């Protein structure tokens, strides 16, 4: 296997293709989401092993509420199951878990599990896993702007704006990966992605694994990041 080279410290992933994977395999959409959850576990472990410090994954968007009710209900149940099943192992592996988004719209039972997962893993420092839940990039900017105006005032410096994002300590992603062949950000980390490198994989998310992650890192390492300079 070819060496990876420079590994990005902060990576974000748009996990796309669960529904198409299920359709291609003659399975219900719910089976695709569960296969996607297994892929996420594999990728989280691989990212930590490769030295990633911040991993942000797009799990549920502010627009996903418009999906069929049974699919949304299944997703919410799956999120609850995943917290119960995965948090103990992630805690043992030194991964801290943070949820970002308009969390107040979630069911209280799920909110309680989120709070417990964050508290249990807060002291871990091997890698931080940010889970974008009921998240939208535009919503985040609007929410931050409201707080910025109310708390910082109109004369505050531009650099202070980032302090009002959902996770102000999140490193801007150096690399954003999207699976399933689609080539757009879909309202994900719009503020933070200003200088991110983008890698689009044709692999459907449930089929995306450690080798695919390493290949995306090799692509990233081959690029010259100039941030607007020459």
C-alpha atoms as a PDB file:
ATOM      1  CA  UNK A   1       0.000   0.000   0.000  1.00  0.00           C
ATOM      2  CA  UNK A   2       1.339   3.427  -0.959  1.00  0.00           C
ATOM      3  CA  UNK A   3       2.261   5.757   1.904  1.00  0.00           C
ATOM      4  CA  UNK A   4      -0.350   8.345   2.775  1.00  0.00           C
ATOM      5  CA  UNK A   5       1.879  11.349   3.385  1.00  0.00           C
ATOM      6  CA  UNK A   6       0.417  14.404   5.107  1.00  0.00           C
ATOM      7  CA  UNK A   7      -2.634  13.437   7.200  1.00  0.00           C
ATOM      8  CA  UNK A   8      -5.228  16.163   7.783  1.00  0.00           C
ATOM      9  CA  UNK A   9      -5.858  16.926  11.438  1.00  0.00           C
ATOM     10  CA  UNK A  10      -9.489  17.882  10.807  1.00  0.00           C
ATOM     11  CA  UNK A  11     -11.686  15.863   8.443  1.00  0.00           C
ATOM     12  CA  UNK A  12     -15.390  16.114   7.687  1.00  0.00           C
ATOM     13  CA  UNK A  13     -17.506  13.523   5.904  1.00  0.00           C
ATOM     14  CA  UNK A  14     -20.851  13.770   4.142  1.00  0.00           C
ATOM     15  CA  UNK A  15     -22.026  10.176   4.480  1.00  0.00           C
ATOM     16  CA  UNK A  16     -24.192   9.797   1.381  1.00  0.00           C
ATOM     17  CA  UNK A  17     -25.647   6.773  -0.353  1.00  0.00           C
ATOM     18  CA  UNK A  18     -27.395   4.662   2.280  1.00  0.00           C
ATOM     19  CA  UNK A  19     -30.697   4.710   0.399  1.00  0.00           C
ATOM     20  CA  UNK A  20     -29.143   3.852  -2.956  1.00  0.00           C
ATOM     21  CA  UNK A  21     -27.118   1.062  -1.358  1.00  0.00           C
ATOM     22  CA  UNK A  22     -30.309  -0.415   0.077  1.00  0.00           C
ATOM     23  CA  UNK A  23     -32.096  -0.155  -3.273  1.00  0.00           C
ATOM     24  CA  UNK A  24     -29.180  -1.743  -5.134  1.00  0.00           C
ATOM     25  CA  UNK A  25     -29.244  -4.636  -2.681  1.00  0.00           C
ATOM     26  CA  UNK A  26     -33.016  -5.095  -2.720  1.00  0.00           C
ATOM     27  CA  UNK A  27     -33.333  -4.003   0.920  1.00  0.00           C
ATOM     28  CA  UNK A  28     -35.458  -1.435   2.762  1.00  0.00           C
ATOM     29  CA  UNK A  29     -33.978   2.001   3.395  1.00  0.00           C
ATOM     30  CA  UNK A  30     -33.657   1.181   7.103  1.00  0.00           C
ATOM     31  CA  UNK A  31     -31.180  -1.580   6.241  1.00  0.00           C
ATOM     32  CA  UNK A  32     -29.111   0.949   4.330  1.00  0.00           C
ATOM     33  CA  UNK A  33     -28.938   3.235   7.332  1.00  0.00           C
ATOM     34  CA  UNK A  34     -27.827   0.366   9.556  1.00  0.00           C
ATOM     35  CA  UNK A  35     -25.158  -0.627   7.051  1.00  0.00           C
ATOM     36  CA  UNK A  36     -24.073   3.015   7.034  1.00  0.00           C
ATOM     37  CA  UNK A  37     -23.768   2.936  10.820  1.00  0.00           C
ATOM     38  CA  UNK A  38     -21.399  -0.023  10.564  1.00  0.00           C
ATOM     39  CA  UNK A  39     -19.318   1.864   7.996  1.00  0.00           C
ATOM     40  CA  UNK A  40     -19.131   4.845  10.331  1.00  0.00           C
ATOM     41  CA  UNK A  41     -17.694   2.715  13.107  1.00  0.00           C
ATOM     42  CA  UNK A  42     -15.013   1.403  10.759  1.00  0.00           C
ATOM     43  CA  UNK A  43     -14.109   4.875   9.505  1.00  0.00           C
ATOM     44  CA  UNK A  44     -13.998   6.414  12.990  1.00  0.00           C
ATOM     45  CA  UNK A  45     -11.523   3.767  14.109  1.00  0.00           C
ATOM     46  CA  UNK A  46      -9.427   4.159  10.942  1.00  0.00           C
ATOM     47  CA  UNK A  47      -9.357   7.954  11.258  1.00  0.00           C
ATOM     48  CA  UNK A  48      -8.127   7.720  14.827  1.00  0.00           C
ATOM     49  CA  UNK A  49      -5.461   5.195  13.875  1.00  0.00           C
ATOM     50  CA  UNK A  50      -4.212   7.485  11.099  1.00  0.00           C
ATOM     51  CA  UNK A  51      -3.864  10.461  13.427  1.00  0.00           C
ATOM     52  CA  UNK A  52      -6.954  12.562  12.719  1.00  0.00           C
ATOM     53  CA  UNK A  53      -7.716  14.865  15.650  1.00  0.00           C
ATOM     54  CA  UNK A  54     -11.186  16.159  14.696  1.00  0.00           C
ATOM     55  CA  UNK A  55     -13.669  14.098  12.662  1.00  0.00           C
ATOM     56  CA  UNK A  56     -17.035  15.666  11.828  1.00  0.00           C
ATOM     57  CA  UNK A  57     -19.798  13.573  10.260  1.00  0.00           C
ATOM     58  CA  UNK A  58     -23.102  14.726   8.783  1.00  0.00           C
ATOM     59  CA  UNK A  59     -25.681  12.409  10.341  1.00  0.00           C
ATOM     60  CA  UNK A  60     -29.013  14.264   9.994  1.00  0.00           C
ATOM     61  CA  UNK A  61     -29.712  17.607   8.354  1.00  0.00           C
ATOM     62  CA  UNK A  62     -32.323  20.254   9.070  1.00  0.00           C
ATOM     63  CA  UNK A  63     -33.866  19.251   5.726  1.00  0.00           C
ATOM     64  CA  UNK A  64     -34.063  15.522   6.506  1.00  0.00           C
ATOM     65  CA  UNK A  65     -37.270  16.021   8.507  1.00  0.00           C
ATOM     66  CA  UNK A  66     -39.068  16.157   5.138  1.00  0.00           C
ATOM     67  CA  UNK A  67     -38.324  12.476   4.506  1.00  0.00           C
ATOM     68  CA  UNK A  68     -41.086   9.891   5.067  1.00  0.00           C
ATOM     69  CA  UNK A  69     -42.125   9.724   8.711  1.00  0.00           C
ATOM     70  CA  UNK A  70     -41.258   6.044   9.097  1.00  0.00           C
ATOM     71  CA  UNK A  71     -37.733   6.682   7.809  1.00  0.00           C
ATOM     72  CA  UNK A  72     -37.227   9.613  10.210  1.00  0.00           C
ATOM     73  CA  UNK A  73     -38.575   7.562  13.111  1.00  0.00           C
ATOM     74  CA  UNK A  74     -36.242   4.696  12.236  1.00  0.00           C
ATOM     75  CA  UNK A  75     -33.278   7.067  12.060  1.00  0.00           C
ATOM     76  CA  UNK A  76     -34.052   8.523  15.473  1.00  0.00           C
ATOM     77  CA  UNK A  77     -34.293   5.037  16.909  1.00  0.00           C
ATOM     78  CA  UNK A  78     -31.011   4.105  15.240  1.00  0.00           C
ATOM     79  CA  UNK A  79     -29.254   7.143  16.717  1.00  0.00           C
ATOM     80  CA  UNK A  80     -30.425   6.097  20.167  1.00  0.00           C
ATOM     81  CA  UNK A  81     -29.243   2.516  19.611  1.00  0.00           C
ATOM     82  CA  UNK A  82     -25.857   3.676  18.354  1.00  0.00           C
ATOM     83  CA  UNK A  83     -25.265   5.826  21.405  1.00  0.00           C
ATOM     84  CA  UNK A  84     -26.046   2.868  23.678  1.00  0.00           C
ATOM     85  CA  UNK A  85     -23.879   0.454  21.697  1.00  0.00           C
ATOM     86  CA  UNK A  86     -20.927   2.522  20.514  1.00  0.00           C
ATOM     87  CA  UNK A  87     -20.208   5.069  23.228  1.00  0.00           C
ATOM     88  CA  UNK A  88     -18.600   2.583  25.676  1.00  0.00           C
ATOM     89  CA  UNK A  89     -16.115   1.405  23.022  1.00  0.00           C
ATOM     90  CA  UNK A  90     -15.391   4.939  21.811  1.00  0.00           C
ATOM     91  CA  UNK A  91     -14.800   5.989  25.388  1.00  0.00           C
ATOM     92  CA  UNK A  92     -12.346   3.119  25.884  1.00  0.00           C
ATOM     93  CA  UNK A  93     -10.549   4.171  22.704  1.00  0.00           C
ATOM     94  CA  UNK A  94     -10.087   7.753  23.892  1.00  0.00           C
ATOM     95  CA  UNK A  95     -12.612   9.381  21.568  1.00  0.00           C
ATOM     96  CA  UNK A  96     -14.641  12.329  22.826  1.00  0.00           C
ATOM     97  CA  UNK A  97     -18.101  12.831  21.327  1.00  0.00           C
ATOM     98  CA  UNK A  98     -19.785  16.135  20.600  1.00  0.00           C
ATOM     99  CA  UNK A  99     -23.128  16.759  18.928  1.00  0.00           C
ATOM    100  CA  UNK A 100     -23.672  19.979  16.966  1.00  0.00           C
ATOM    101  CA  UNK A 101     -26.827  21.428  15.456  1.00  0.00           C
ATOM    102  CA  UNK A 102     -30.253  22.604  16.531  1.00  0.00           C
ATOM    103  CA  UNK A 103     -30.418  19.906  19.165  1.00  0.00           C
ATOM    104  CA  UNK A 104     -33.361  21.461  21.001  1.00  0.00           C
ATOM    105  CA  UNK A 105     -35.702  20.053  18.316  1.00  0.00           C
ATOM    106  CA  UNK A 106     -34.857  16.451  19.250  1.00  0.00           C
ATOM    107  CA  UNK A 107     -36.848  14.187  21.535  1.00  0.00           C
ATOM    108  CA  UNK A 108     -35.975  14.629  25.224  1.00  0.00           C
ATOM    109  CA  UNK A 109     -35.025  10.977  25.670  1.00  0.00           C
ATOM    110  CA  UNK A 110     -32.513  11.290  22.837  1.00  0.00           C
ATOM    111  CA  UNK A 111     -31.250  14.586  24.242  1.00  0.00           C
ATOM    112  CA  UNK A 112     -30.629  12.888  27.572  1.00  0.00           C
ATOM    113  CA  UNK A 113     -28.560  10.180  25.879  1.00  0.00           C
ATOM    114  CA  UNK A 114     -26.605  12.805  23.944  1.00  0.00           C
ATOM    115  CA  UNK A 115     -25.817  14.710  27.129  1.00  0.00           C
ATOM    116  CA  UNK A 116     -24.713  11.521  28.888  1.00  0.00           C
ATOM    117  CA  UNK A 117     -22.476  10.499  25.961  1.00  0.00           C
ATOM    118  CA  UNK A 118     -20.828  13.914  25.853  1.00  0.00           C
ATOM    119  CA  UNK A 119     -20.261  13.948  29.601  1.00  0.00           C
ATOM    120  CA  UNK A 120     -18.854  10.411  29.663  1.00  0.00           C
ATOM    121  CA  UNK A 121     -16.299  11.085  26.929  1.00  0.00           C
ATOM    122  CA  UNK A 122     -15.489  14.748  27.632  1.00  0.00           C
ATOM    123  CA  UNK A 123     -12.008  14.100  29.036  1.00  0.00           C
ATOM    124  CA  UNK A 124     -10.838  11.918  26.121  1.00  0.00           C
ATOM    125  CA  UNK A 125      -8.216  13.478  23.869  1.00  0.00           C
ATOM    126  CA  UNK A 126      -7.145  10.902  21.281  1.00  0.00           C
ATOM    127  CA  UNK A 127      -9.708  12.168  18.763  1.00  0.00           C
ATOM    128  CA  UNK A 128     -12.838  14.298  18.852  1.00  0.00           C
ATOM    129  CA  UNK A 129     -15.902  13.031  16.977  1.00  0.00           C
ATOM    130  CA  UNK A 130     -18.357  15.792  16.108  1.00  0.00           C
ATOM    131  CA  UNK A 131     -21.768  14.504  15.043  1.00  0.00           C
ATOM    132  CA  UNK A 132     -23.816  17.023  13.056  1.00  0.00           C
ATOM    133  CA  UNK A 133     -27.384  16.331  14.146  1.00  0.00           C
ATOM    134  CA  UNK A 134     -30.376  18.356  12.970  1.00  0.00           C
ATOM    135  CA  UNK A 135     -27.649  20.451  11.406  1.00  0.00           C
ATOM    136  CA  UNK A 136     -27.599  22.932   8.543  1.00  0.00           C
ATOM    137  CA  UNK A 137     -24.753  25.228   7.587  1.00  0.00           C
ATOM    138  CA  UNK A 138     -27.076  28.154   6.911  1.00  0.00           C
ATOM    139  CA  UNK A 139     -28.921  27.547  10.171  1.00  0.00           C
ATOM    140  CA  UNK A 140     -25.625  27.571  12.043  1.00  0.00           C
ATOM    141  CA  UNK A 141     -24.614  30.885  10.478  1.00  0.00           C
ATOM    142  CA  UNK A 142     -28.013  32.429  11.233  1.00  0.00           C
ATOM    143  CA  UNK A 143     -27.917  31.225  14.834  1.00  0.00           C
ATOM    144  CA  UNK A 144     -24.357  32.504  15.231  1.00  0.00           C
ATOM    145  CA  UNK A 145     -25.225  35.867  13.668  1.00  0.00           C
ATOM    146  CA  UNK A 146     -28.102  36.384  16.082  1.00  0.00           C
ATOM    147  CA  UNK A 147     -25.868  35.702  19.068  1.00  0.00           C
ATOM    148  CA  UNK A 148     -23.010  37.726  17.600  1.00  0.00           C
ATOM    149  CA  UNK A 149     -25.175  40.825  17.251  1.00  0.00           C
ATOM    150  CA  UNK A 150     -26.839  40.368  20.641  1.00  0.00           C
ATOM    151  CA  UNK A 151     -23.709  39.560  22.636  1.00  0.00           C
ATOM    152  CA  UNK A 152     -20.688  40.908  20.751  1.00  0.00           C
ATOM    153  CA  UNK A 153     -22.213  44.030  19.239  1.00  0.00           C
ATOM    154  CA  UNK A 154     -21.825  45.631  15.793  1.00  0.00           C
ATOM    155  CA  UNK A 155     -18.254  46.788  16.420  1.00  0.00           C
ATOM    156  CA  UNK A 156     -16.867  43.338  17.227  1.00  0.00           C
ATOM    157  CA  UNK A 157     -14.055  42.164  14.917  1.00  0.00           C
ATOM    158  CA  UNK A 158     -14.865  39.703  12.141  1.00  0.00           C
ATOM    159  CA  UNK A 159     -12.586  37.118  13.749  1.00  0.00           C
ATOM    160  CA  UNK A 160     -14.888  36.978  16.765  1.00  0.00           C
ATOM    161  CA  UNK A 161     -17.768  35.576  14.723  1.00  0.00           C
ATOM    162  CA  UNK A 162     -16.434  32.024  14.880  1.00  0.00           C
ATOM    163  CA  UNK A 163     -16.813  32.061  18.649  1.00  0.00           C
ATOM    164  CA  UNK A 164     -20.595  31.898  18.178  1.00  0.00           C
ATOM    165  CA  UNK A 165     -20.705  28.788  16.005  1.00  0.00           C
ATOM    166  CA  UNK A 166     -22.056  25.548  17.472  1.00  0.00           C
ATOM    167  CA  UNK A 167     -18.544  24.256  18.210  1.00  0.00           C
ATOM    168  CA  UNK A 168     -16.169  27.237  18.210  1.00  0.00           C
ATOM    169  CA  UNK A 169     -13.239  24.992  19.142  1.00  0.00           C
ATOM    170  CA  UNK A 170     -13.726  22.734  16.101  1.00  0.00           C
ATOM    171  CA  UNK A 171     -10.748  23.015  13.774  1.00  0.00           C
ATOM    172  CA  UNK A 172     -11.752  24.122  10.273  1.00  0.00           C
ATOM    173  CA  UNK A 173     -11.764  20.964   8.159  1.00  0.00           C
ATOM    174  CA  UNK A 174      -8.726  20.615   5.947  1.00  0.00           C
ATOM    175  CA  UNK A 175     -10.509  17.890   3.997  1.00  0.00           C
ATOM    176  CA  UNK A 176     -14.185  17.236   3.293  1.00  0.00           C
ATOM    177  CA  UNK A 177     -15.110  13.852   1.824  1.00  0.00           C
ATOM    178  CA  UNK A 178     -18.441  13.124   0.188  1.00  0.00           C
ATOM    179  CA  UNK A 179     -19.440   9.634  -0.866  1.00  0.00           C
ATOM    180  CA  UNK A 180     -21.884   8.302  -3.498  1.00  0.00           C
ATOM    181  CA  UNK A 181     -20.585  10.370  -6.411  1.00  0.00           C
ATOM    182  CA  UNK A 182     -22.524  13.547  -5.618  1.00  0.00           C
ATOM    183  CA  UNK A 183     -20.387  16.685  -5.845  1.00  0.00           C
ATOM    184  CA  UNK A 184     -21.835  19.340  -3.553  1.00  0.00           C
ATOM    185  CA  UNK A 185     -21.617  20.427   0.093  1.00  0.00           C
ATOM    186  CA  UNK A 186     -25.365  20.182   0.739  1.00  0.00           C
ATOM    187  CA  UNK A 187     -25.391  22.884   3.408  1.00  0.00           C
ATOM    188  CA  UNK A 188     -22.601  21.310   5.462  1.00  0.00           C
ATOM    189  CA  UNK A 189     -20.042  23.365   7.417  1.00  0.00           C
ATOM    190  CA  UNK A 190     -20.434  26.364   5.106  1.00  0.00           C
ATOM    191  CA  UNK A 191     -18.479  28.745   7.336  1.00  0.00           C
ATOM    192  CA  UNK A 192     -15.761  26.282   8.303  1.00  0.00           C
ATOM    193  CA  UNK A 193     -15.168  24.910   4.791  1.00  0.00           C
ATOM    194  CA  UNK A 194     -13.879  28.161   3.249  1.00  0.00           C
ATOM    195  CA  UNK A 195     -10.465  26.641   2.463  1.00  0.00           C
ATOM    196  CA  UNK A 196     -11.208  22.942   2.756  1.00  0.00           C
ATOM    197  CA  UNK A 197      -9.988  20.517   0.127  1.00  0.00           C
ATOM    198  CA  UNK A 198     -12.814  18.434  -1.344  1.00  0.00           C
ATOM    199  CA  UNK A 199     -12.679  14.756  -2.283  1.00  0.00           C
ATOM    200  CA  UNK A 200     -15.669  13.090  -3.931  1.00  0.00           C
ATOM    201  CA  UNK A 201     -15.833   9.313  -3.835  1.00  0.00           C
ATOM    202  CA  UNK A 202     -18.099   7.218  -6.062  1.00  0.00           C
ATOM    203  CA  UNK A 203     -18.354   4.648  -3.270  1.00  0.00           C
ATOM    204  CA  UNK A 204     -21.742   4.468  -1.542  1.00  0.00           C
ATOM    205  CA  UNK A 205     -21.328   5.181   2.149  1.00  0.00           C
ATOM    206  CA  UNK A 206     -22.048   1.646   3.465  1.00  0.00           C
ATOM    207  CA  UNK A 207     -19.225   0.380   1.209  1.00  0.00           C
ATOM    208  CA  UNK A 208     -16.750   3.090   2.234  1.00  0.00           C
ATOM    209  CA  UNK A 209     -13.975   1.722   4.405  1.00  0.00           C
ATOM    210  CA  UNK A 210     -10.491   2.259   5.789  1.00  0.00           C
ATOM    211  CA  UNK A 211      -8.821   1.834   2.395  1.00  0.00           C
ATOM    212  CA  UNK A 212     -11.106   4.452   0.859  1.00  0.00           C
ATOM    213  CA  UNK A 213     -10.300   6.851   3.679  1.00  0.00           C
ATOM    214  CA  UNK A 214      -6.581   6.313   3.153  1.00  0.00           C
ATOM    215  CA  UNK A 215      -6.983   6.929  -0.590  1.00  0.00           C
ATOM    216  CA  UNK A 216      -8.796  10.217   0.119  1.00  0.00           C
ATOM    217  CA  UNK A 217      -5.908  11.200   2.395  1.00  0.00           C
ATOM    218  CA  UNK A 218      -3.399  10.426  -0.362  1.00  0.00           C
ATOM    219  CA  UNK A 219      -5.353  12.681  -2.711  1.00  0.00           C
ATOM    220  CA  UNK A 220      -5.332  15.423  -0.082  1.00  0.00           C
ATOM    221  CA  UNK A 221      -1.598  15.014   0.561  1.00  0.00           C
ATOM    222  CA  UNK A 222      -0.847  15.492  -3.135  1.00  0.00           C
ATOM    223  CA  UNK A 223      -2.392  18.965  -3.206  1.00  0.00           C
ATOM    224  CA  UNK A 224      -0.685  22.317  -2.669  1.00  0.00           C
ATOM    225  CA  UNK A 225      -2.810  24.351  -0.250  1.00  0.00           C
ATOM    226  CA  UNK A 226      -2.124  28.059  -0.830  1.00  0.00           C
ATOM    227  CA  UNK A 227      -5.087  29.742   0.939  1.00  0.00           C
ATOM    228  CA  UNK A 228      -5.343  32.390  -1.757  1.00  0.00           C
ATOM    229  CA  UNK A 229      -1.585  33.028  -2.008  1.00  0.00           C
ATOM    230  CA  UNK A 230       0.682  32.084  -4.926  1.00  0.00           C
END
